[in-house]
């Protein structure tokens, strides 16, 4: 049980920290927790082999890495519905969102690259995006594990 607990990932809702999202080994669902009420609110099916997560403020999206399938699931935090699934590379291990909420960046440990997603490409409608959400893939070297965004 200890090994299962130490590998869990969590992320807070970016706007008010009112929801905590948890993923981990053996969980094929995203667990939504209300941390100030000490209760599990619900579980949401948003992919398989869920891993790292990051949240944007505006629009309120949660980006969830699906490590085995090499994609990222984008969930609308307000509605709880899946907005898109985007192929990003082999074994996405970390996701970060820029401070201006324009881009979500994944670091892919197996393929050795970084994927840059355009957050504005995800609309709140079911229509396909006007432009592809995957802007570019940048090679970064063998087995990258983390990323940091710094303002110039």
N, C-alpha and C. Protein backbone atom coordinates (compact mmCIF):
# COMPACT_ATOMS: atom_id res chain seq x y z
N UNK A 1 0.81 -1.19 0.00
CA UNK A 1 0.00 0.00 0.00
C UNK A 1 0.86 1.26 0.00
N UNK A 2 2.00 1.25 0.72
CA UNK A 2 2.86 2.42 0.75
C UNK A 2 3.32 2.83 -0.64
N UNK A 3 3.76 1.86 -1.46
CA UNK A 3 4.23 2.16 -2.81
C UNK A 3 3.13 2.81 -3.63
N UNK A 4 1.91 2.35 -3.46
CA UNK A 4 0.79 2.91 -4.20
C UNK A 4 0.53 4.36 -3.81
N UNK A 5 0.67 4.68 -2.55
CA UNK A 5 0.39 6.03 -2.08
C UNK A 5 1.48 7.02 -2.46
N UNK A 6 2.73 6.60 -2.46
CA UNK A 6 3.80 7.57 -2.72
C UNK A 6 3.83 8.04 -4.17
N UNK A 7 3.22 7.31 -5.09
CA UNK A 7 3.26 7.68 -6.49
C UNK A 7 2.03 8.47 -6.95
N UNK A 8 1.20 8.88 -6.06
CA UNK A 8 0.00 9.62 -6.45
C UNK A 8 0.36 11.03 -6.85
N UNK A 9 -0.45 11.58 -7.74
CA UNK A 9 -0.28 12.96 -8.20
C UNK A 9 -1.48 13.75 -7.73
N UNK A 10 -1.26 15.02 -7.40
CA UNK A 10 -2.40 15.86 -7.05
C UNK A 10 -2.19 17.26 -7.61
N UNK A 11 -3.30 17.95 -7.78
CA UNK A 11 -3.31 19.29 -8.35
C UNK A 11 -4.54 19.98 -7.80
N UNK A 12 -4.42 21.28 -7.54
CA UNK A 12 -5.56 22.05 -7.06
C UNK A 12 -6.19 22.86 -8.19
N UNK A 13 -7.49 23.12 -8.05
CA UNK A 13 -8.18 24.02 -8.97
C UNK A 13 -7.46 25.36 -8.92
N UNK A 14 -7.12 25.91 -10.09
CA UNK A 14 -6.26 27.09 -10.16
C UNK A 14 -6.91 28.36 -9.62
N UNK A 15 -8.21 28.48 -9.70
CA UNK A 15 -8.87 29.73 -9.32
C UNK A 15 -8.96 29.92 -7.81
N UNK A 16 -9.44 28.92 -7.07
CA UNK A 16 -9.66 29.13 -5.64
C UNK A 16 -9.20 27.99 -4.75
N UNK A 17 -8.51 27.01 -5.28
CA UNK A 17 -8.04 25.85 -4.52
C UNK A 17 -9.20 25.08 -3.88
N UNK A 18 -10.42 25.26 -4.38
CA UNK A 18 -11.59 24.64 -3.78
C UNK A 18 -11.78 23.17 -4.13
N UNK A 19 -11.04 22.68 -5.10
CA UNK A 19 -11.08 21.27 -5.45
C UNK A 19 -9.65 20.77 -5.57
N UNK A 20 -9.44 19.54 -5.14
CA UNK A 20 -8.15 18.90 -5.32
C UNK A 20 -8.39 17.68 -6.20
N UNK A 21 -7.52 17.48 -7.17
CA UNK A 21 -7.63 16.36 -8.10
C UNK A 21 -6.50 15.38 -7.79
N UNK A 22 -6.83 14.08 -7.76
CA UNK A 22 -5.85 13.06 -7.39
C UNK A 22 -5.85 11.96 -8.45
N UNK A 23 -4.65 11.55 -8.87
CA UNK A 23 -4.49 10.39 -9.74
C UNK A 23 -3.38 9.53 -9.14
N UNK A 24 -3.28 8.30 -9.60
CA UNK A 24 -2.21 7.44 -9.11
C UNK A 24 -2.28 6.07 -9.72
N UNK A 25 -1.30 5.24 -9.41
CA UNK A 25 -1.26 3.89 -9.95
C UNK A 25 -2.51 3.11 -9.58
N UNK A 26 -3.05 2.41 -10.55
CA UNK A 26 -4.24 1.60 -10.31
C UNK A 26 -5.53 2.38 -10.37
N UNK A 27 -5.45 3.70 -10.52
CA UNK A 27 -6.66 4.52 -10.63
C UNK A 27 -6.83 4.91 -12.09
N UNK A 28 -7.86 4.43 -12.72
CA UNK A 28 -8.16 4.85 -14.09
C UNK A 28 -9.22 5.94 -14.07
N UNK A 29 -9.30 6.64 -12.97
CA UNK A 29 -10.25 7.73 -12.82
C UNK A 29 -9.57 8.86 -12.06
N UNK A 30 -10.09 10.03 -12.27
CA UNK A 30 -9.64 11.22 -11.57
C UNK A 30 -10.53 11.37 -10.34
N UNK A 31 -9.92 11.50 -9.17
CA UNK A 31 -10.68 11.66 -7.94
C UNK A 31 -10.75 13.14 -7.62
N UNK A 32 -11.97 13.64 -7.39
CA UNK A 32 -12.18 15.05 -7.06
C UNK A 32 -12.49 15.13 -5.57
N UNK A 33 -11.65 15.88 -4.84
CA UNK A 33 -11.77 16.00 -3.40
C UNK A 33 -12.04 17.46 -3.04
N UNK A 34 -12.92 17.68 -2.09
CA UNK A 34 -13.13 19.02 -1.54
C UNK A 34 -12.26 19.10 -0.29
N UNK A 35 -11.08 19.72 -0.39
CA UNK A 35 -10.14 19.68 0.74
C UNK A 35 -10.62 20.41 1.99
N UNK A 36 -11.44 21.42 1.85
CA UNK A 36 -11.90 22.16 3.02
C UNK A 36 -13.07 21.49 3.73
N UNK A 37 -13.63 20.47 3.07
CA UNK A 37 -14.73 19.73 3.67
C UNK A 37 -14.33 18.30 4.00
N UNK A 38 -13.08 17.93 3.68
CA UNK A 38 -12.56 16.59 3.95
C UNK A 38 -13.44 15.49 3.37
N UNK A 39 -13.85 15.66 2.12
CA UNK A 39 -14.68 14.64 1.50
C UNK A 39 -14.31 14.44 0.04
N UNK A 40 -14.50 13.19 -0.40
CA UNK A 40 -14.35 12.88 -1.81
C UNK A 40 -15.66 13.24 -2.48
N UNK A 41 -15.60 14.13 -3.46
CA UNK A 41 -16.81 14.58 -4.14
C UNK A 41 -17.26 13.58 -5.20
N UNK A 42 -16.32 13.19 -6.07
CA UNK A 42 -16.68 12.25 -7.13
C UNK A 42 -15.42 11.73 -7.80
N UNK A 43 -15.63 10.74 -8.67
CA UNK A 43 -14.56 10.28 -9.55
C UNK A 43 -15.02 10.51 -10.98
N UNK A 44 -14.07 10.87 -11.83
CA UNK A 44 -14.40 11.16 -13.23
C UNK A 44 -13.51 10.32 -14.13
N UNK A 45 -14.11 9.71 -15.14
CA UNK A 45 -13.34 8.95 -16.12
C UNK A 45 -12.81 9.92 -17.16
N UNK A 46 -11.51 10.13 -17.17
CA UNK A 46 -10.91 11.08 -18.12
C UNK A 46 -9.75 10.45 -18.91
N UNK A 47 -9.55 9.17 -18.79
CA UNK A 47 -8.47 8.51 -19.53
C UNK A 47 -8.02 7.27 -18.79
N UNK A 48 -6.86 6.75 -19.22
CA UNK A 48 -6.27 5.56 -18.59
C UNK A 48 -4.84 5.88 -18.19
N UNK A 49 -4.35 5.21 -17.20
CA UNK A 49 -2.99 5.40 -16.67
C UNK A 49 -2.71 6.88 -16.43
N UNK A 50 -3.56 7.49 -15.63
CA UNK A 50 -3.48 8.93 -15.37
C UNK A 50 -2.27 9.26 -14.52
N UNK A 51 -1.66 10.40 -14.83
CA UNK A 51 -0.46 10.80 -14.11
C UNK A 51 -0.50 12.26 -13.74
N UNK A 52 0.52 12.98 -14.17
CA UNK A 52 0.69 14.39 -13.81
C UNK A 52 -0.48 15.24 -14.28
N UNK A 53 -0.68 16.36 -13.57
CA UNK A 53 -1.78 17.27 -13.91
C UNK A 53 -1.33 18.71 -13.74
N UNK A 54 -2.05 19.60 -14.41
CA UNK A 54 -1.86 21.04 -14.23
C UNK A 54 -3.19 21.71 -14.56
N UNK A 55 -3.46 22.84 -13.92
CA UNK A 55 -4.73 23.55 -14.12
C UNK A 55 -4.45 24.97 -14.61
N UNK A 56 -5.34 25.43 -15.49
CA UNK A 56 -5.27 26.82 -15.95
C UNK A 56 -6.39 27.60 -15.26
N UNK A 57 -6.21 28.91 -15.15
CA UNK A 57 -7.18 29.77 -14.47
C UNK A 57 -8.29 30.24 -15.40
N UNK A 58 -7.93 30.70 -16.59
CA UNK A 58 -8.91 31.26 -17.51
C UNK A 58 -8.51 30.95 -18.94
N UNK A 59 -9.21 30.03 -19.55
CA UNK A 59 -10.36 29.25 -19.07
C UNK A 59 -9.92 28.21 -18.04
N UNK A 60 -10.87 27.75 -17.23
CA UNK A 60 -10.58 26.77 -16.20
C UNK A 60 -10.56 25.37 -16.79
N UNK A 61 -9.35 24.93 -17.11
CA UNK A 61 -9.15 23.58 -17.64
C UNK A 61 -8.20 22.82 -16.74
N UNK A 62 -8.37 21.51 -16.71
CA UNK A 62 -7.44 20.62 -16.04
C UNK A 62 -6.82 19.76 -17.13
N UNK A 63 -5.50 19.73 -17.18
CA UNK A 63 -4.76 18.93 -18.15
C UNK A 63 -4.22 17.71 -17.42
N UNK A 64 -4.57 16.50 -17.90
CA UNK A 64 -4.20 15.26 -17.23
C UNK A 64 -3.41 14.39 -18.20
N UNK A 65 -2.19 14.00 -17.80
CA UNK A 65 -1.35 13.14 -18.63
C UNK A 65 -1.85 11.70 -18.57
N UNK A 66 -1.93 11.07 -19.72
CA UNK A 66 -2.24 9.65 -19.83
C UNK A 66 -0.93 8.99 -20.27
N UNK A 67 -0.17 8.47 -19.31
CA UNK A 67 1.20 8.06 -19.58
C UNK A 67 1.32 6.90 -20.57
N UNK A 68 0.47 5.91 -20.48
CA UNK A 68 0.58 4.76 -21.37
C UNK A 68 0.15 5.07 -22.81
N UNK A 69 -0.84 5.92 -22.98
CA UNK A 69 -1.34 6.20 -24.33
C UNK A 69 -0.66 7.41 -24.98
N UNK A 70 0.18 8.13 -24.24
CA UNK A 70 0.92 9.25 -24.82
C UNK A 70 0.06 10.44 -25.19
N UNK A 71 -0.97 10.68 -24.40
CA UNK A 71 -1.80 11.85 -24.69
C UNK A 71 -2.17 12.60 -23.42
N UNK A 72 -2.78 13.75 -23.61
CA UNK A 72 -3.25 14.57 -22.51
C UNK A 72 -4.75 14.76 -22.67
N UNK A 73 -5.48 14.54 -21.59
CA UNK A 73 -6.91 14.79 -21.58
C UNK A 73 -7.13 16.19 -21.02
N UNK A 74 -7.99 16.95 -21.68
CA UNK A 74 -8.32 18.30 -21.23
C UNK A 74 -9.75 18.26 -20.71
N UNK A 75 -9.93 18.66 -19.44
CA UNK A 75 -11.24 18.64 -18.82
C UNK A 75 -11.65 20.06 -18.44
N UNK A 76 -12.87 20.41 -18.74
CA UNK A 76 -13.44 21.69 -18.32
C UNK A 76 -13.77 21.57 -16.83
N UNK A 77 -13.12 22.35 -16.00
CA UNK A 77 -13.30 22.26 -14.55
C UNK A 77 -14.72 22.62 -14.13
N UNK A 78 -15.32 23.59 -14.79
CA UNK A 78 -16.65 24.06 -14.41
C UNK A 78 -17.72 23.00 -14.69
N UNK A 79 -17.69 22.41 -15.88
CA UNK A 79 -18.70 21.42 -16.24
C UNK A 79 -18.32 20.00 -15.86
N UNK A 80 -17.02 19.76 -15.67
CA UNK A 80 -16.55 18.41 -15.36
C UNK A 80 -16.48 17.52 -16.58
N UNK A 81 -16.66 18.08 -17.76
CA UNK A 81 -16.67 17.29 -18.99
C UNK A 81 -15.33 17.36 -19.71
N UNK A 82 -15.05 16.27 -20.42
CA UNK A 82 -13.83 16.20 -21.21
C UNK A 82 -13.98 17.08 -22.44
N UNK A 83 -13.01 17.95 -22.69
CA UNK A 83 -13.03 18.86 -23.83
C UNK A 83 -12.29 18.26 -25.01
N UNK A 84 -11.15 17.62 -24.75
CA UNK A 84 -10.33 17.08 -25.84
C UNK A 84 -9.32 16.08 -25.29
N UNK A 85 -8.80 15.27 -26.20
CA UNK A 85 -7.65 14.41 -25.93
C UNK A 85 -6.65 14.70 -27.03
N UNK A 86 -5.42 15.02 -26.64
CA UNK A 86 -4.40 15.42 -27.61
C UNK A 86 -3.17 14.53 -27.47
N UNK A 87 -2.72 13.93 -28.58
CA UNK A 87 -1.48 13.15 -28.59
C UNK A 87 -0.31 14.09 -28.40
N UNK A 88 0.57 13.78 -27.43
CA UNK A 88 1.68 14.68 -27.11
C UNK A 88 3.05 14.03 -27.15
N UNK A 89 3.15 12.74 -27.25
CA UNK A 89 4.44 12.05 -27.23
C UNK A 89 4.40 10.91 -26.24
N UNK A 90 5.47 10.13 -26.24
CA UNK A 90 5.51 8.92 -25.42
C UNK A 90 5.79 9.23 -23.95
N UNK A 91 4.92 8.77 -23.09
CA UNK A 91 5.04 8.86 -21.63
C UNK A 91 5.13 10.29 -21.11
N UNK A 92 4.06 11.09 -21.29
CA UNK A 92 4.07 12.42 -20.70
C UNK A 92 4.19 12.32 -19.18
N UNK A 93 5.20 12.99 -18.63
CA UNK A 93 5.48 12.83 -17.21
C UNK A 93 5.20 14.06 -16.38
N UNK A 94 5.18 15.22 -16.99
CA UNK A 94 4.87 16.45 -16.25
C UNK A 94 4.15 17.41 -17.17
N UNK A 95 3.26 18.21 -16.59
CA UNK A 95 2.55 19.24 -17.33
C UNK A 95 2.68 20.54 -16.54
N UNK A 96 2.96 21.62 -17.25
CA UNK A 96 2.98 22.94 -16.63
C UNK A 96 2.17 23.88 -17.53
N UNK A 97 1.55 24.88 -16.90
CA UNK A 97 0.77 25.88 -17.62
C UNK A 97 1.46 27.23 -17.42
N UNK A 98 1.59 27.99 -18.50
CA UNK A 98 2.22 29.30 -18.39
C UNK A 98 1.36 30.23 -17.55
N UNK A 99 2.02 31.22 -16.93
CA UNK A 99 1.31 32.15 -16.04
C UNK A 99 0.18 32.90 -16.74
N UNK A 100 0.32 33.14 -18.03
CA UNK A 100 -0.70 33.87 -18.78
C UNK A 100 -1.81 32.97 -19.32
N UNK A 101 -1.77 31.68 -18.98
CA UNK A 101 -2.78 30.69 -19.41
C UNK A 101 -2.89 30.55 -20.92
N UNK A 102 -1.80 30.81 -21.64
CA UNK A 102 -1.82 30.66 -23.10
C UNK A 102 -1.38 29.27 -23.54
N UNK A 103 -0.47 28.64 -22.78
CA UNK A 103 0.10 27.37 -23.22
C UNK A 103 0.17 26.37 -22.08
N UNK A 104 -0.03 25.09 -22.45
CA UNK A 104 0.23 23.98 -21.55
C UNK A 104 1.38 23.21 -22.16
N UNK A 105 2.35 22.85 -21.36
CA UNK A 105 3.56 22.21 -21.85
C UNK A 105 3.72 20.87 -21.15
N UNK A 106 3.93 19.82 -21.95
CA UNK A 106 4.17 18.50 -21.38
C UNK A 106 5.60 18.09 -21.65
N UNK A 107 6.19 17.39 -20.70
CA UNK A 107 7.52 16.83 -20.86
C UNK A 107 7.33 15.33 -20.99
N UNK A 108 7.81 14.77 -22.09
CA UNK A 108 7.58 13.37 -22.41
C UNK A 108 8.86 12.56 -22.18
N UNK A 109 8.87 11.77 -21.12
CA UNK A 109 10.08 11.10 -20.69
C UNK A 109 10.57 10.02 -21.64
N UNK A 110 9.68 9.32 -22.29
CA UNK A 110 10.11 8.23 -23.17
C UNK A 110 10.54 8.73 -24.55
N UNK A 111 9.83 9.70 -25.10
CA UNK A 111 10.19 10.20 -26.42
C UNK A 111 11.21 11.33 -26.37
N UNK A 112 11.53 11.84 -25.19
CA UNK A 112 12.57 12.85 -25.05
C UNK A 112 12.23 14.18 -25.68
N UNK A 113 10.98 14.57 -25.57
CA UNK A 113 10.59 15.84 -26.17
C UNK A 113 9.59 16.57 -25.28
N UNK A 114 9.25 17.76 -25.73
CA UNK A 114 8.32 18.62 -25.02
C UNK A 114 7.24 19.03 -26.02
N UNK A 115 5.99 18.91 -25.62
CA UNK A 115 4.88 19.30 -26.48
C UNK A 115 4.29 20.61 -25.95
N UNK A 116 4.00 21.53 -26.86
CA UNK A 116 3.41 22.81 -26.49
C UNK A 116 1.99 22.86 -27.03
N UNK A 117 1.02 23.00 -26.13
CA UNK A 117 -0.40 23.05 -26.50
C UNK A 117 -0.91 24.48 -26.39
N UNK A 118 -1.68 24.90 -27.38
CA UNK A 118 -2.30 26.22 -27.38
C UNK A 118 -3.64 26.10 -26.67
N UNK A 119 -3.75 26.68 -25.47
CA UNK A 119 -4.97 26.55 -24.67
C UNK A 119 -6.16 27.20 -25.36
N UNK A 120 -5.94 28.26 -26.11
CA UNK A 120 -7.06 28.94 -26.78
C UNK A 120 -7.71 28.08 -27.86
N UNK A 121 -7.04 27.02 -28.28
CA UNK A 121 -7.60 26.15 -29.32
C UNK A 121 -8.73 25.26 -28.79
N UNK A 122 -8.83 25.14 -27.47
CA UNK A 122 -9.88 24.31 -26.87
C UNK A 122 -11.09 25.18 -26.62
N UNK A 123 -12.13 25.00 -27.40
CA UNK A 123 -13.35 25.77 -27.19
C UNK A 123 -14.27 25.07 -26.23
N UNK A 124 -15.26 25.75 -25.74
CA UNK A 124 -16.24 25.13 -24.84
C UNK A 124 -17.39 24.50 -25.61
N UNK A 125 -17.23 24.36 -26.91
CA UNK A 125 -18.27 23.72 -27.72
C UNK A 125 -17.75 22.38 -28.21
N UNK A 126 -18.62 21.59 -28.78
CA UNK A 126 -18.22 20.28 -29.28
C UNK A 126 -17.62 20.36 -30.69
N UNK A 127 -17.57 21.53 -31.26
CA UNK A 127 -17.00 21.68 -32.59
C UNK A 127 -15.50 21.42 -32.57
N UNK A 128 -14.96 20.86 -33.66
CA UNK A 128 -13.51 20.68 -33.71
C UNK A 128 -12.81 22.04 -33.64
N UNK A 129 -11.61 22.09 -33.05
CA UNK A 129 -10.93 23.38 -32.94
C UNK A 129 -10.59 23.96 -34.31
N UNK A 130 -10.62 25.30 -34.40
CA UNK A 130 -10.29 25.98 -35.65
C UNK A 130 -8.83 25.76 -36.01
N UNK A 131 -7.98 25.66 -35.00
CA UNK A 131 -6.58 25.38 -35.23
C UNK A 131 -6.19 24.20 -34.35
N UNK A 132 -5.20 23.42 -34.76
CA UNK A 132 -4.81 22.27 -33.93
C UNK A 132 -4.24 22.74 -32.59
N UNK A 133 -4.59 22.07 -31.50
CA UNK A 133 -4.10 22.50 -30.19
C UNK A 133 -2.60 22.23 -30.00
N UNK A 134 -2.04 21.24 -30.70
CA UNK A 134 -0.62 20.95 -30.57
C UNK A 134 0.17 21.89 -31.46
N UNK A 135 0.86 22.86 -30.86
CA UNK A 135 1.62 23.84 -31.64
C UNK A 135 2.92 23.29 -32.17
N UNK A 136 3.69 22.65 -31.29
CA UNK A 136 5.00 22.16 -31.70
C UNK A 136 5.51 21.09 -30.75
N UNK A 137 6.47 20.33 -31.24
CA UNK A 137 7.20 19.35 -30.44
C UNK A 137 8.67 19.78 -30.46
N UNK A 138 9.29 19.86 -29.30
CA UNK A 138 10.68 20.31 -29.20
C UNK A 138 11.50 19.20 -28.56
N UNK A 139 12.54 18.71 -29.25
CA UNK A 139 13.40 17.69 -28.62
C UNK A 139 14.18 18.32 -27.47
N UNK A 140 14.21 17.64 -26.32
CA UNK A 140 14.89 18.18 -25.15
C UNK A 140 15.92 17.23 -24.56
N UNK A 141 16.08 16.05 -25.10
CA UNK A 141 17.08 15.11 -24.60
C UNK A 141 16.46 13.88 -24.01
N UNK A 142 17.33 12.97 -23.61
CA UNK A 142 16.88 11.66 -23.12
C UNK A 142 16.23 11.75 -21.74
N UNK A 143 15.06 11.20 -21.64
CA UNK A 143 14.31 11.03 -20.40
C UNK A 143 14.17 12.29 -19.55
N UNK A 144 13.61 13.37 -20.08
CA UNK A 144 13.38 14.55 -19.25
C UNK A 144 12.34 14.25 -18.19
N UNK A 145 12.48 14.86 -17.02
CA UNK A 145 11.57 14.55 -15.92
C UNK A 145 10.79 15.75 -15.40
N UNK A 146 11.25 16.97 -15.68
CA UNK A 146 10.52 18.12 -15.15
C UNK A 146 10.74 19.35 -16.03
N UNK A 147 9.92 20.35 -15.78
CA UNK A 147 10.01 21.61 -16.52
C UNK A 147 9.67 22.76 -15.59
N UNK A 148 10.25 23.91 -15.87
CA UNK A 148 9.98 25.12 -15.12
C UNK A 148 9.75 26.23 -16.12
N UNK A 149 8.78 27.09 -15.87
CA UNK A 149 8.53 28.24 -16.74
C UNK A 149 8.99 29.46 -15.98
N UNK A 150 9.89 30.21 -16.61
CA UNK A 150 10.40 31.44 -16.00
C UNK A 150 10.02 32.62 -16.86
N UNK A 151 9.64 33.68 -16.22
CA UNK A 151 9.33 34.91 -16.92
C UNK A 151 10.61 35.65 -17.22
N UNK A 152 10.71 36.19 -18.44
CA UNK A 152 11.93 36.92 -18.82
C UNK A 152 11.91 38.32 -18.25
